[in-house]
């Protein structure tokens, strides 16, 4: 995923800011609408029998058997991995420059999957075809059904090779896509009754209650969600982003840039020069942990180092694109709860 290099409203700018719009029209998908599948969205008869899943575009994908050759956006593949569902190929941030697993790859062994593309606009269609894919799965960051990290230039070729499933992560609370990923994993053969899955779900609920109590006890603590690039600092609004919308619903007091200021960022964020990074007074700063963003320890700007929250050591990581398994979302909630519980009022 590319960093933002300019202040203008651009694809790269959106990508860096932690809550970005996919570009291009929705991919064609095999399958059709079926009123009988309007419940949870998933239907599976046996491991070898017919399979169908109604995705968040309202498209029902139907296959003669449960997909075996699955290709997915890296974050989706990481979530499915947590539920015992393995994929054959991935696209999106998977491997870092030093050969390690990207943060968005979660616990996957990336040496056991075919990486079709590691950065924005990179997708090897020939390798994809060689995998004989049964289905392609990705998230969606807009209401048009655009599949995340599927390149605009090659989307039609990709769509012809296998049907696609889209899980929306746009303008809703975290719990909704978490549940949808659970349903998808179950339809693909994941053991959702396994202790690993059920325990993680329980821990997520407990962490959420802890955050609710922390926010209620410390309403004066102001939290800012940020992301850093060489030229700009981005302040995310709570609208549209699944994690921030959920945390706000639990009572967290977020700094909210005005709509006019967020217009350049498509409603997701406000862009600030490093000279103006102190525009908002925050007690806690949540910083984008993706490899596309500069991490707090590597920010050299003097204005950053002077921020009260930074001086107080009240900077915590934020997964702007959460891996949609309960196991991976538990620490996101717990870390924020702990930060609020221990925070000093410094803004």
C-alpha atoms as a PDB file:
ATOM      1  CA  UNK A   1       0.000   0.000   0.000  1.00  0.00           C
ATOM      2  CA  UNK A   2       1.459   3.324  -1.012  1.00  0.00           C
ATOM      3  CA  UNK A   3       2.068   6.305   1.214  1.00  0.00           C
ATOM      4  CA  UNK A   4       0.514   9.647   0.406  1.00  0.00           C
ATOM      5  CA  UNK A   5       2.945  11.933  -1.383  1.00  0.00           C
ATOM      6  CA  UNK A   6       0.774  14.974  -1.969  1.00  0.00           C
ATOM      7  CA  UNK A   7      -1.855  16.986  -0.163  1.00  0.00           C
ATOM      8  CA  UNK A   8      -4.416  16.594  -2.922  1.00  0.00           C
ATOM      9  CA  UNK A   9      -7.300  14.125  -2.896  1.00  0.00           C
ATOM     10  CA  UNK A  10      -5.692  11.130  -4.569  1.00  0.00           C
ATOM     11  CA  UNK A  11      -5.721   7.369  -4.428  1.00  0.00           C
ATOM     12  CA  UNK A  12      -2.363   7.311  -2.660  1.00  0.00           C
ATOM     13  CA  UNK A  13      -3.573   9.898  -0.183  1.00  0.00           C
ATOM     14  CA  UNK A  14      -6.604   7.828   0.618  1.00  0.00           C
ATOM     15  CA  UNK A  15      -4.540   4.689   1.040  1.00  0.00           C
ATOM     16  CA  UNK A  16      -2.232   6.248   3.603  1.00  0.00           C
ATOM     17  CA  UNK A  17      -4.921   7.691   5.800  1.00  0.00           C
ATOM     18  CA  UNK A  18      -6.445   4.632   7.390  1.00  0.00           C
ATOM     19  CA  UNK A  19      -9.841   4.226   5.855  1.00  0.00           C
ATOM     20  CA  UNK A  20      -9.651   4.510   2.112  1.00  0.00           C
ATOM     21  CA  UNK A  21     -11.975   4.253  -0.812  1.00  0.00           C
ATOM     22  CA  UNK A  22     -11.383   1.517  -3.352  1.00  0.00           C
ATOM     23  CA  UNK A  23     -11.304   2.818  -6.928  1.00  0.00           C
ATOM     24  CA  UNK A  24     -13.230   1.547  -9.922  1.00  0.00           C
ATOM     25  CA  UNK A  25     -16.522  -0.158 -10.493  1.00  0.00           C
ATOM     26  CA  UNK A  26     -17.715  -3.373  -8.914  1.00  0.00           C
ATOM     27  CA  UNK A  27     -16.306  -6.601 -10.309  1.00  0.00           C
ATOM     28  CA  UNK A  28     -18.585  -8.948 -12.153  1.00  0.00           C
ATOM     29  CA  UNK A  29     -19.435 -12.019 -10.111  1.00  0.00           C
ATOM     30  CA  UNK A  30     -20.782 -15.408 -10.995  1.00  0.00           C
ATOM     31  CA  UNK A  31     -23.975 -16.418  -9.311  1.00  0.00           C
ATOM     32  CA  UNK A  32     -27.307 -14.672  -8.943  1.00  0.00           C
ATOM     33  CA  UNK A  33     -29.715 -13.168  -6.456  1.00  0.00           C
ATOM     34  CA  UNK A  34     -31.714 -15.726  -4.518  1.00  0.00           C
ATOM     35  CA  UNK A  35     -34.426 -14.729  -2.111  1.00  0.00           C
ATOM     36  CA  UNK A  36     -33.982 -17.982  -0.264  1.00  0.00           C
ATOM     37  CA  UNK A  37     -30.512 -16.862   0.872  1.00  0.00           C
ATOM     38  CA  UNK A  38     -31.575 -13.632   2.579  1.00  0.00           C
ATOM     39  CA  UNK A  39     -30.805 -14.872   6.087  1.00  0.00           C
ATOM     40  CA  UNK A  40     -27.263 -15.014   7.419  1.00  0.00           C
ATOM     41  CA  UNK A  41     -25.890 -14.964   3.896  1.00  0.00           C
ATOM     42  CA  UNK A  42     -24.334 -18.411   3.950  1.00  0.00           C
ATOM     43  CA  UNK A  43     -25.591 -21.842   3.017  1.00  0.00           C
ATOM     44  CA  UNK A  44     -23.603 -25.064   2.974  1.00  0.00           C
ATOM     45  CA  UNK A  45     -24.991 -28.593   2.740  1.00  0.00           C
ATOM     46  CA  UNK A  46     -21.897 -30.780   3.086  1.00  0.00           C
ATOM     47  CA  UNK A  47     -18.172 -30.394   2.694  1.00  0.00           C
ATOM     48  CA  UNK A  48     -18.431 -31.842  -0.813  1.00  0.00           C
ATOM     49  CA  UNK A  49     -21.940 -30.682  -1.667  1.00  0.00           C
ATOM     50  CA  UNK A  50     -23.356 -27.429  -3.051  1.00  0.00           C
ATOM     51  CA  UNK A  51     -22.091 -24.152  -1.608  1.00  0.00           C
ATOM     52  CA  UNK A  52     -23.509 -20.669  -1.720  1.00  0.00           C
ATOM     53  CA  UNK A  53     -22.845 -17.378  -0.017  1.00  0.00           C
ATOM     54  CA  UNK A  54     -24.673 -14.075  -0.300  1.00  0.00           C
ATOM     55  CA  UNK A  55     -22.140 -11.278   0.036  1.00  0.00           C
ATOM     56  CA  UNK A  56     -22.531  -7.632   1.019  1.00  0.00           C
ATOM     57  CA  UNK A  57     -23.218  -6.559  -2.558  1.00  0.00           C
ATOM     58  CA  UNK A  58     -26.338  -8.705  -2.469  1.00  0.00           C
ATOM     59  CA  UNK A  59     -24.716 -11.171  -4.882  1.00  0.00           C
ATOM     60  CA  UNK A  60     -25.159 -14.873  -4.199  1.00  0.00           C
ATOM     61  CA  UNK A  61     -22.245 -16.987  -5.379  1.00  0.00           C
ATOM     62  CA  UNK A  62     -23.197 -20.617  -6.005  1.00  0.00           C
ATOM     63  CA  UNK A  63     -20.782 -23.477  -6.579  1.00  0.00           C
ATOM     64  CA  UNK A  64     -21.166 -27.251  -6.890  1.00  0.00           C
ATOM     65  CA  UNK A  65     -18.924 -27.748  -3.862  1.00  0.00           C
ATOM     66  CA  UNK A  66     -17.244 -25.831  -1.065  1.00  0.00           C
ATOM     67  CA  UNK A  67     -14.373 -23.772  -2.539  1.00  0.00           C
ATOM     68  CA  UNK A  68     -10.971 -25.394  -2.143  1.00  0.00           C
ATOM     69  CA  UNK A  69      -8.837 -23.002  -4.164  1.00  0.00           C
ATOM     70  CA  UNK A  70      -9.472 -19.723  -2.394  1.00  0.00           C
ATOM     71  CA  UNK A  71      -7.713 -16.471  -3.280  1.00  0.00           C
ATOM     72  CA  UNK A  72      -8.214 -13.530  -0.957  1.00  0.00           C
ATOM     73  CA  UNK A  73      -7.047 -10.081   0.025  1.00  0.00           C
ATOM     74  CA  UNK A  74      -4.306 -10.577   2.623  1.00  0.00           C
ATOM     75  CA  UNK A  75      -6.325  -9.310   5.579  1.00  0.00           C
ATOM     76  CA  UNK A  76      -9.256 -11.547   4.658  1.00  0.00           C
ATOM     77  CA  UNK A  77      -6.949 -14.537   4.294  1.00  0.00           C
ATOM     78  CA  UNK A  78      -5.494 -13.793   7.744  1.00  0.00           C
ATOM     79  CA  UNK A  79      -8.967 -13.762   9.281  1.00  0.00           C
ATOM     80  CA  UNK A  80      -9.951 -17.019   7.582  1.00  0.00           C
ATOM     81  CA  UNK A  81      -6.679 -18.555   8.777  1.00  0.00           C
ATOM     82  CA  UNK A  82      -7.689 -17.839  12.366  1.00  0.00           C
ATOM     83  CA  UNK A  83     -10.828 -19.902  11.769  1.00  0.00           C
ATOM     84  CA  UNK A  84      -8.969 -22.811  10.198  1.00  0.00           C
ATOM     85  CA  UNK A  85      -9.682 -21.945   6.558  1.00  0.00           C
ATOM     86  CA  UNK A  86      -6.581 -21.828   4.368  1.00  0.00           C
ATOM     87  CA  UNK A  87      -6.202 -19.954   1.088  1.00  0.00           C
ATOM     88  CA  UNK A  88      -4.017 -20.721  -1.927  1.00  0.00           C
ATOM     89  CA  UNK A  89      -3.211 -17.177  -2.987  1.00  0.00           C
ATOM     90  CA  UNK A  90      -3.251 -13.663  -1.588  1.00  0.00           C
ATOM     91  CA  UNK A  91      -3.023 -10.081  -2.837  1.00  0.00           C
ATOM     92  CA  UNK A  92      -2.323  -6.942  -0.840  1.00  0.00           C
ATOM     93  CA  UNK A  93       0.366  -6.120   1.765  1.00  0.00           C
ATOM     94  CA  UNK A  94       1.764  -9.553   2.641  1.00  0.00           C
ATOM     95  CA  UNK A  95       5.547  -9.396   2.839  1.00  0.00           C
ATOM     96  CA  UNK A  96       7.751  -6.598   4.157  1.00  0.00           C
ATOM     97  CA  UNK A  97      10.967  -5.468   2.506  1.00  0.00           C
ATOM     98  CA  UNK A  98      12.982  -7.680   4.870  1.00  0.00           C
ATOM     99  CA  UNK A  99      10.960 -10.756   3.944  1.00  0.00           C
ATOM    100  CA  UNK A 100       8.824 -10.923   7.072  1.00  0.00           C
ATOM    101  CA  UNK A 101       5.059 -11.173   7.234  1.00  0.00           C
ATOM    102  CA  UNK A 102       3.298  -7.834   6.965  1.00  0.00           C
ATOM    103  CA  UNK A 103       1.133  -6.810   9.911  1.00  0.00           C
ATOM    104  CA  UNK A 104      -1.928  -7.416   7.737  1.00  0.00           C
ATOM    105  CA  UNK A 105      -0.922 -11.058   7.199  1.00  0.00           C
ATOM    106  CA  UNK A 106      -1.601 -11.907  10.831  1.00  0.00           C
ATOM    107  CA  UNK A 107      -0.514 -15.419  11.771  1.00  0.00           C
ATOM    108  CA  UNK A 108      -0.403 -16.805   8.246  1.00  0.00           C
ATOM    109  CA  UNK A 109       2.709 -18.613   7.080  1.00  0.00           C
ATOM    110  CA  UNK A 110       3.263 -16.463   4.009  1.00  0.00           C
ATOM    111  CA  UNK A 111       5.743 -18.993   2.589  1.00  0.00           C
ATOM    112  CA  UNK A 112       2.798 -21.332   2.006  1.00  0.00           C
ATOM    113  CA  UNK A 113       0.682 -18.990  -0.114  1.00  0.00           C
ATOM    114  CA  UNK A 114       1.163 -17.597  -3.608  1.00  0.00           C
ATOM    115  CA  UNK A 115       1.540 -13.827  -3.434  1.00  0.00           C
ATOM    116  CA  UNK A 116      -0.146 -12.340  -6.487  1.00  0.00           C
ATOM    117  CA  UNK A 117       0.612  -8.751  -5.560  1.00  0.00           C
ATOM    118  CA  UNK A 118       2.161  -7.042  -2.577  1.00  0.00           C
ATOM    119  CA  UNK A 119       1.405  -3.384  -3.305  1.00  0.00           C
ATOM    120  CA  UNK A 120      -1.415  -1.277  -4.724  1.00  0.00           C
ATOM    121  CA  UNK A 121      -2.228  -1.955  -8.407  1.00  0.00           C
ATOM    122  CA  UNK A 122      -0.139  -5.134  -8.414  1.00  0.00           C
ATOM    123  CA  UNK A 123      -1.964  -8.374  -9.257  1.00  0.00           C
ATOM    124  CA  UNK A 124      -0.416 -11.152 -11.351  1.00  0.00           C
ATOM    125  CA  UNK A 125      -3.357 -12.407 -13.421  1.00  0.00           C
ATOM    126  CA  UNK A 126      -1.336 -15.256 -14.937  1.00  0.00           C
ATOM    127  CA  UNK A 127      -0.405 -16.619 -11.514  1.00  0.00           C
ATOM    128  CA  UNK A 128      -3.997 -16.193 -10.442  1.00  0.00           C
ATOM    129  CA  UNK A 129      -5.239 -18.264 -13.384  1.00  0.00           C
ATOM    130  CA  UNK A 130      -2.651 -20.963 -12.659  1.00  0.00           C
ATOM    131  CA  UNK A 131      -4.151 -21.420  -9.189  1.00  0.00           C
ATOM    132  CA  UNK A 132      -7.453 -22.466 -10.819  1.00  0.00           C
ATOM    133  CA  UNK A 133      -9.340 -20.312  -8.309  1.00  0.00           C
ATOM    134  CA  UNK A 134     -12.800 -21.302  -7.124  1.00  0.00           C
ATOM    135  CA  UNK A 135     -13.513 -17.933  -5.550  1.00  0.00           C
ATOM    136  CA  UNK A 136     -11.877 -14.563  -4.874  1.00  0.00           C
ATOM    137  CA  UNK A 137     -12.668 -12.774  -1.609  1.00  0.00           C
ATOM    138  CA  UNK A 138     -11.941  -9.202  -0.599  1.00  0.00           C
ATOM    139  CA  UNK A 139     -13.240  -6.364   1.526  1.00  0.00           C
ATOM    140  CA  UNK A 140     -15.012  -3.267   0.213  1.00  0.00           C
ATOM    141  CA  UNK A 141     -14.344   0.327   1.313  1.00  0.00           C
ATOM    142  CA  UNK A 142     -17.200   1.977  -0.549  1.00  0.00           C
ATOM    143  CA  UNK A 143     -20.898   1.480  -1.159  1.00  0.00           C
ATOM    144  CA  UNK A 144     -20.357   0.753  -4.863  1.00  0.00           C
ATOM    145  CA  UNK A 145     -19.059  -2.741  -4.183  1.00  0.00           C
ATOM    146  CA  UNK A 146     -15.461  -2.143  -5.286  1.00  0.00           C
ATOM    147  CA  UNK A 147     -13.244  -5.048  -4.280  1.00  0.00           C
ATOM    148  CA  UNK A 148     -10.249  -3.822  -2.297  1.00  0.00           C
ATOM    149  CA  UNK A 149      -6.860  -4.168  -4.001  1.00  0.00           C
ATOM    150  CA  UNK A 150      -8.303  -5.623  -7.208  1.00  0.00           C
ATOM    151  CA  UNK A 151      -6.733  -3.355  -9.862  1.00  0.00           C
ATOM    152  CA  UNK A 152      -9.013  -1.282 -12.038  1.00  0.00           C
ATOM    153  CA  UNK A 153      -6.988  -2.110 -15.152  1.00  0.00           C
ATOM    154  CA  UNK A 154      -7.288  -5.890 -14.805  1.00  0.00           C
ATOM    155  CA  UNK A 155     -10.539  -6.308 -12.885  1.00  0.00           C
ATOM    156  CA  UNK A 156     -12.455  -7.648 -15.902  1.00  0.00           C
ATOM    157  CA  UNK A 157      -9.859 -10.328 -16.646  1.00  0.00           C
ATOM    158  CA  UNK A 158      -9.813 -11.294 -12.979  1.00  0.00           C
ATOM    159  CA  UNK A 159     -13.606 -11.459 -12.798  1.00  0.00           C
ATOM    160  CA  UNK A 160     -13.776 -13.936 -15.681  1.00  0.00           C
ATOM    161  CA  UNK A 161     -11.596 -16.474 -13.893  1.00  0.00           C
ATOM    162  CA  UNK A 162     -13.707 -17.017 -10.768  1.00  0.00           C
ATOM    163  CA  UNK A 163     -16.700 -15.564  -8.919  1.00  0.00           C
ATOM    164  CA  UNK A 164     -16.006 -13.054  -6.159  1.00  0.00           C
ATOM    165  CA  UNK A 165     -17.279 -12.389  -2.647  1.00  0.00           C
ATOM    166  CA  UNK A 166     -17.165  -8.934  -1.055  1.00  0.00           C
ATOM    167  CA  UNK A 167     -17.371  -8.182   2.675  1.00  0.00           C
ATOM    168  CA  UNK A 168     -18.169  -4.547   3.407  1.00  0.00           C
ATOM    169  CA  UNK A 169     -16.020  -2.574   5.841  1.00  0.00           C
ATOM    170  CA  UNK A 170     -17.625   0.731   4.944  1.00  0.00           C
ATOM    171  CA  UNK A 171     -19.672   2.969   7.236  1.00  0.00           C
ATOM    172  CA  UNK A 172     -20.648   0.404   9.862  1.00  0.00           C
ATOM    173  CA  UNK A 173     -19.442  -0.734  13.243  1.00  0.00           C
ATOM    174  CA  UNK A 174     -16.731  -3.361  13.629  1.00  0.00           C
ATOM    175  CA  UNK A 175     -19.107  -5.995  14.994  1.00  0.00           C
ATOM    176  CA  UNK A 176     -20.986  -6.281  11.694  1.00  0.00           C
ATOM    177  CA  UNK A 177     -18.071  -7.280   9.409  1.00  0.00           C
ATOM    178  CA  UNK A 178     -16.725  -9.472  12.228  1.00  0.00           C
ATOM    179  CA  UNK A 179     -19.982 -11.408  12.168  1.00  0.00           C
ATOM    180  CA  UNK A 180     -20.006 -11.558   8.367  1.00  0.00           C
ATOM    181  CA  UNK A 181     -16.478 -12.973   8.309  1.00  0.00           C
ATOM    182  CA  UNK A 182     -17.541 -15.525  10.922  1.00  0.00           C
ATOM    183  CA  UNK A 183     -20.442 -16.592   8.657  1.00  0.00           C
ATOM    184  CA  UNK A 184     -18.163 -16.770   5.618  1.00  0.00           C
ATOM    185  CA  UNK A 185     -15.558 -18.851   7.448  1.00  0.00           C
ATOM    186  CA  UNK A 186     -18.255 -21.206   8.696  1.00  0.00           C
ATOM    187  CA  UNK A 187     -19.575 -21.686   5.174  1.00  0.00           C
ATOM    188  CA  UNK A 188     -16.052 -22.500   3.984  1.00  0.00           C
ATOM    189  CA  UNK A 189     -15.603 -25.263   6.527  1.00  0.00           C
ATOM    190  CA  UNK A 190     -14.217 -23.378   9.524  1.00  0.00           C
ATOM    191  CA  UNK A 191     -14.868 -24.976  12.902  1.00  0.00           C
ATOM    192  CA  UNK A 192     -16.722 -22.178  14.630  1.00  0.00           C
ATOM    193  CA  UNK A 193     -17.417 -24.341  17.677  1.00  0.00           C
ATOM    194  CA  UNK A 194     -13.711 -24.815  18.357  1.00  0.00           C
ATOM    195  CA  UNK A 195     -12.490 -23.336  21.630  1.00  0.00           C
ATOM    196  CA  UNK A 196     -10.113 -21.007  19.784  1.00  0.00           C
ATOM    197  CA  UNK A 197     -13.022 -19.369  17.985  1.00  0.00           C
ATOM    198  CA  UNK A 198     -15.563 -19.272  20.800  1.00  0.00           C
ATOM    199  CA  UNK A 199     -13.035 -18.126  23.404  1.00  0.00           C
ATOM    200  CA  UNK A 200     -11.866 -15.302  21.139  1.00  0.00           C
ATOM    201  CA  UNK A 201     -15.433 -14.125  20.654  1.00  0.00           C
ATOM    202  CA  UNK A 202     -15.994 -14.127  24.412  1.00  0.00           C
ATOM    203  CA  UNK A 203     -12.752 -12.204  25.000  1.00  0.00           C
ATOM    204  CA  UNK A 204     -13.818  -9.629  22.412  1.00  0.00           C
ATOM    205  CA  UNK A 205     -17.113  -9.087  24.216  1.00  0.00           C
ATOM    206  CA  UNK A 206     -15.289  -8.735  27.537  1.00  0.00           C
ATOM    207  CA  UNK A 207     -12.777  -6.302  26.050  1.00  0.00           C
ATOM    208  CA  UNK A 208     -15.625  -4.239  24.596  1.00  0.00           C
ATOM    209  CA  UNK A 209     -17.289  -3.991  27.983  1.00  0.00           C
ATOM    210  CA  UNK A 210     -13.972  -2.950  29.512  1.00  0.00           C
ATOM    211  CA  UNK A 211     -13.617  -0.181  26.931  1.00  0.00           C
ATOM    212  CA  UNK A 212     -17.193   0.951  27.544  1.00  0.00           C
ATOM    213  CA  UNK A 213     -16.503   1.260  31.273  1.00  0.00           C
ATOM    214  CA  UNK A 214     -13.165   3.023  30.715  1.00  0.00           C
ATOM    215  CA  UNK A 215     -14.734   5.563  28.362  1.00  0.00           C
ATOM    216  CA  UNK A 216     -17.576   6.207  30.800  1.00  0.00           C
ATOM    217  CA  UNK A 217     -15.159   6.670  33.701  1.00  0.00           C
ATOM    218  CA  UNK A 218     -12.811   8.968  31.746  1.00  0.00           C
ATOM    219  CA  UNK A 219     -15.008  11.105  29.438  1.00  0.00           C
ATOM    220  CA  UNK A 220     -12.487  13.945  29.599  1.00  0.00           C
ATOM    221  CA  UNK A 221      -9.831  11.926  27.755  1.00  0.00           C
ATOM    222  CA  UNK A 222      -9.677  12.993  24.112  1.00  0.00           C
ATOM    223  CA  UNK A 223      -8.474  10.478  21.533  1.00  0.00           C
ATOM    224  CA  UNK A 224      -7.152  11.288  18.052  1.00  0.00           C
ATOM    225  CA  UNK A 225      -6.713   8.769  15.226  1.00  0.00           C
ATOM    226  CA  UNK A 226      -3.745   9.638  13.035  1.00  0.00           C
ATOM    227  CA  UNK A 227      -1.584   8.370  10.202  1.00  0.00           C
ATOM    228  CA  UNK A 228       1.800   9.650   9.077  1.00  0.00           C
ATOM    229  CA  UNK A 229       3.417  10.132   5.685  1.00  0.00           C
ATOM    230  CA  UNK A 230       6.597  12.063   4.834  1.00  0.00           C
ATOM    231  CA  UNK A 231       4.720  15.240   3.896  1.00  0.00           C
ATOM    232  CA  UNK A 232       1.436  14.994   5.746  1.00  0.00           C
ATOM    233  CA  UNK A 233      -0.283  13.959   8.948  1.00  0.00           C
ATOM    234  CA  UNK A 234      -3.809  12.627   8.623  1.00  0.00           C
ATOM    235  CA  UNK A 235      -6.491  12.945  11.295  1.00  0.00           C
ATOM    236  CA  UNK A 236      -9.237  10.391  10.730  1.00  0.00           C
ATOM    237  CA  UNK A 237     -12.859  11.095  11.488  1.00  0.00           C
ATOM    238  CA  UNK A 238     -14.931   8.439  13.188  1.00  0.00           C
ATOM    239  CA  UNK A 239     -17.486   8.182  10.386  1.00  0.00           C
ATOM    240  CA  UNK A 240     -16.941   5.450   7.778  1.00  0.00           C
ATOM    241  CA  UNK A 241     -14.176   3.530   9.624  1.00  0.00           C
ATOM    242  CA  UNK A 242     -15.446   0.322  11.250  1.00  0.00           C
ATOM    243  CA  UNK A 243     -13.140   0.431  14.271  1.00  0.00           C
ATOM    244  CA  UNK A 244     -13.616   4.112  15.093  1.00  0.00           C
ATOM    245  CA  UNK A 245     -17.382   3.946  14.643  1.00  0.00           C
ATOM    246  CA  UNK A 246     -17.477   1.043  17.094  1.00  0.00           C
ATOM    247  CA  UNK A 247     -15.213   2.682  19.661  1.00  0.00           C
ATOM    248  CA  UNK A 248     -17.244   5.878  19.447  1.00  0.00           C
ATOM    249  CA  UNK A 249     -20.440   3.868  20.031  1.00  0.00           C
ATOM    250  CA  UNK A 250     -18.797   2.485  23.176  1.00  0.00           C
ATOM    251  CA  UNK A 251     -18.343   6.050  24.410  1.00  0.00           C
ATOM    252  CA  UNK A 252     -14.787   6.959  23.453  1.00  0.00           C
ATOM    253  CA  UNK A 253     -14.338  10.742  23.153  1.00  0.00           C
ATOM    254  CA  UNK A 254     -12.770  11.199  19.718  1.00  0.00           C
ATOM    255  CA  UNK A 255     -11.467  14.357  18.119  1.00  0.00           C
ATOM    256  CA  UNK A 256     -13.628  14.814  15.024  1.00  0.00           C
ATOM    257  CA  UNK A 257     -12.363  17.001  12.157  1.00  0.00           C
ATOM    258  CA  UNK A 258     -15.173  19.088  10.638  1.00  0.00           C
ATOM    259  CA  UNK A 259     -16.816  17.728   7.498  1.00  0.00           C
ATOM    260  CA  UNK A 260     -15.444  20.574   5.401  1.00  0.00           C
ATOM    261  CA  UNK A 261     -11.901  19.707   6.491  1.00  0.00           C
ATOM    262  CA  UNK A 262     -12.448  16.050   5.596  1.00  0.00           C
ATOM    263  CA  UNK A 263     -13.841  16.784   2.145  1.00  0.00           C
ATOM    264  CA  UNK A 264     -10.440  16.531   0.482  1.00  0.00           C
ATOM    265  CA  UNK A 265     -10.051  13.069   1.965  1.00  0.00           C
ATOM    266  CA  UNK A 266     -13.369  11.821   0.700  1.00  0.00           C
ATOM    267  CA  UNK A 267     -14.933  12.219   4.129  1.00  0.00           C
ATOM    268  CA  UNK A 268     -12.430   9.922   5.816  1.00  0.00           C
ATOM    269  CA  UNK A 269      -9.754  12.276   7.119  1.00  0.00           C
ATOM    270  CA  UNK A 270      -8.264  15.755   7.299  1.00  0.00           C
ATOM    271  CA  UNK A 271      -4.786  16.339   5.906  1.00  0.00           C
ATOM    272  CA  UNK A 272      -2.427  18.490   7.984  1.00  0.00           C
ATOM    273  CA  UNK A 273       1.050  19.738   7.249  1.00  0.00           C
ATOM    274  CA  UNK A 274       3.569  18.779   9.903  1.00  0.00           C
ATOM    275  CA  UNK A 275       3.737  22.447  10.909  1.00  0.00           C
ATOM    276  CA  UNK A 276       0.051  22.235  11.867  1.00  0.00           C
ATOM    277  CA  UNK A 277       0.101  18.819  13.499  1.00  0.00           C
ATOM    278  CA  UNK A 278      -0.767  20.475  16.823  1.00  0.00           C
ATOM    279  CA  UNK A 279      -4.116  21.742  15.502  1.00  0.00           C
ATOM    280  CA  UNK A 280      -6.030  19.429  17.837  1.00  0.00           C
ATOM    281  CA  UNK A 281      -5.311  18.772  21.479  1.00  0.00           C
ATOM    282  CA  UNK A 282      -5.286  15.036  22.164  1.00  0.00           C
ATOM    283  CA  UNK A 283      -4.590  13.083  25.327  1.00  0.00           C
ATOM    284  CA  UNK A 284      -4.142   9.820  23.397  1.00  0.00           C
ATOM    285  CA  UNK A 285      -3.080   9.378  19.781  1.00  0.00           C
ATOM    286  CA  UNK A 286      -3.907   6.164  17.926  1.00  0.00           C
ATOM    287  CA  UNK A 287      -1.443   5.698  15.061  1.00  0.00           C
ATOM    288  CA  UNK A 288      -1.953   3.677  11.891  1.00  0.00           C
ATOM    289  CA  UNK A 289       0.124   0.490  12.220  1.00  0.00           C
ATOM    290  CA  UNK A 290       0.161  -0.454   8.528  1.00  0.00           C
ATOM    291  CA  UNK A 291       3.492  -0.751   6.754  1.00  0.00           C
ATOM    292  CA  UNK A 292       2.398   1.998   4.358  1.00  0.00           C
ATOM    293  CA  UNK A 293       2.425   4.530   7.177  1.00  0.00           C
ATOM    294  CA  UNK A 294       5.425   5.937   9.045  1.00  0.00           C
ATOM    295  CA  UNK A 295       5.462   4.461  12.534  1.00  0.00           C
ATOM    296  CA  UNK A 296       5.724   6.718  15.615  1.00  0.00           C
ATOM    297  CA  UNK A 297       9.280   5.675  16.459  1.00  0.00           C
ATOM    298  CA  UNK A 298      10.401   6.763  12.988  1.00  0.00           C
ATOM    299  CA  UNK A 299       8.763  10.192  12.940  1.00  0.00           C
ATOM    300  CA  UNK A 300      11.478  12.830  13.103  1.00  0.00           C
ATOM    301  CA  UNK A 301       9.352  15.976  12.870  1.00  0.00           C
ATOM    302  CA  UNK A 302      10.008  18.298  15.830  1.00  0.00           C
ATOM    303  CA  UNK A 303       6.362  19.359  15.923  1.00  0.00           C
ATOM    304  CA  UNK A 304       5.347  15.744  16.500  1.00  0.00           C
ATOM    305  CA  UNK A 305       7.754  15.285  19.363  1.00  0.00           C
ATOM    306  CA  UNK A 306       6.336  18.363  21.092  1.00  0.00           C
ATOM    307  CA  UNK A 307       2.767  17.059  21.171  1.00  0.00           C
ATOM    308  CA  UNK A 308       1.591  16.537  24.783  1.00  0.00           C
ATOM    309  CA  UNK A 309       0.386  12.990  24.097  1.00  0.00           C
ATOM    310  CA  UNK A 310       3.714  12.080  22.504  1.00  0.00           C
ATOM    311  CA  UNK A 311       5.727  13.585  25.371  1.00  0.00           C
ATOM    312  CA  UNK A 312       3.542  11.687  27.847  1.00  0.00           C
ATOM    313  CA  UNK A 313       4.048   8.395  26.008  1.00  0.00           C
ATOM    314  CA  UNK A 314       0.339   8.150  25.289  1.00  0.00           C
ATOM    315  CA  UNK A 315       0.557   6.895  21.721  1.00  0.00           C
ATOM    316  CA  UNK A 316      -0.981   3.523  20.869  1.00  0.00           C
ATOM    317  CA  UNK A 317      -1.208   1.538  17.625  1.00  0.00           C
ATOM    318  CA  UNK A 318      -4.349   1.438  15.558  1.00  0.00           C
ATOM    319  CA  UNK A 319      -5.180  -1.176  12.925  1.00  0.00           C
ATOM    320  CA  UNK A 320      -6.855   0.964  10.287  1.00  0.00           C
ATOM    321  CA  UNK A 321      -7.695  -2.223   8.396  1.00  0.00           C
ATOM    322  CA  UNK A 322      -8.495  -4.691  11.188  1.00  0.00           C
ATOM    323  CA  UNK A 323      -8.069  -8.397  10.527  1.00  0.00           C
ATOM    324  CA  UNK A 324     -11.675  -9.494  10.851  1.00  0.00           C
ATOM    325  CA  UNK A 325     -11.312 -12.316  13.355  1.00  0.00           C
ATOM    326  CA  UNK A 326     -12.274 -11.898  16.981  1.00  0.00           C
ATOM    327  CA  UNK A 327      -8.814 -13.062  18.046  1.00  0.00           C
ATOM    328  CA  UNK A 328      -7.107 -10.235  16.166  1.00  0.00           C
ATOM    329  CA  UNK A 329      -9.613  -7.580  17.248  1.00  0.00           C
ATOM    330  CA  UNK A 330      -9.379  -8.320  20.986  1.00  0.00           C
ATOM    331  CA  UNK A 331      -6.027  -6.512  21.450  1.00  0.00           C
ATOM    332  CA  UNK A 332      -7.274  -3.517  19.467  1.00  0.00           C
ATOM    333  CA  UNK A 333     -10.052  -3.006  21.990  1.00  0.00           C
ATOM    334  CA  UNK A 334      -7.972  -3.912  25.037  1.00  0.00           C
ATOM    335  CA  UNK A 335      -5.108  -1.588  24.112  1.00  0.00           C
ATOM    336  CA  UNK A 336      -7.415   1.388  23.797  1.00  0.00           C
ATOM    337  CA  UNK A 337      -9.226   0.537  27.024  1.00  0.00           C
ATOM    338  CA  UNK A 338      -5.938   0.309  28.915  1.00  0.00           C
ATOM    339  CA  UNK A 339      -4.684   3.553  27.383  1.00  0.00           C
ATOM    340  CA  UNK A 340      -7.800   5.414  28.507  1.00  0.00           C
ATOM    341  CA  UNK A 341      -7.685   3.861  31.976  1.00  0.00           C
ATOM    342  CA  UNK A 342      -4.075   4.966  32.504  1.00  0.00           C
ATOM    343  CA  UNK A 343      -4.067   8.231  30.558  1.00  0.00           C
ATOM    344  CA  UNK A 344      -3.032  11.522  32.079  1.00  0.00           C
ATOM    345  CA  UNK A 345      -5.012  14.565  31.032  1.00  0.00           C
ATOM    346  CA  UNK A 346      -2.390  16.404  28.985  1.00  0.00           C
ATOM    347  CA  UNK A 347      -4.290  18.172  26.201  1.00  0.00           C
END
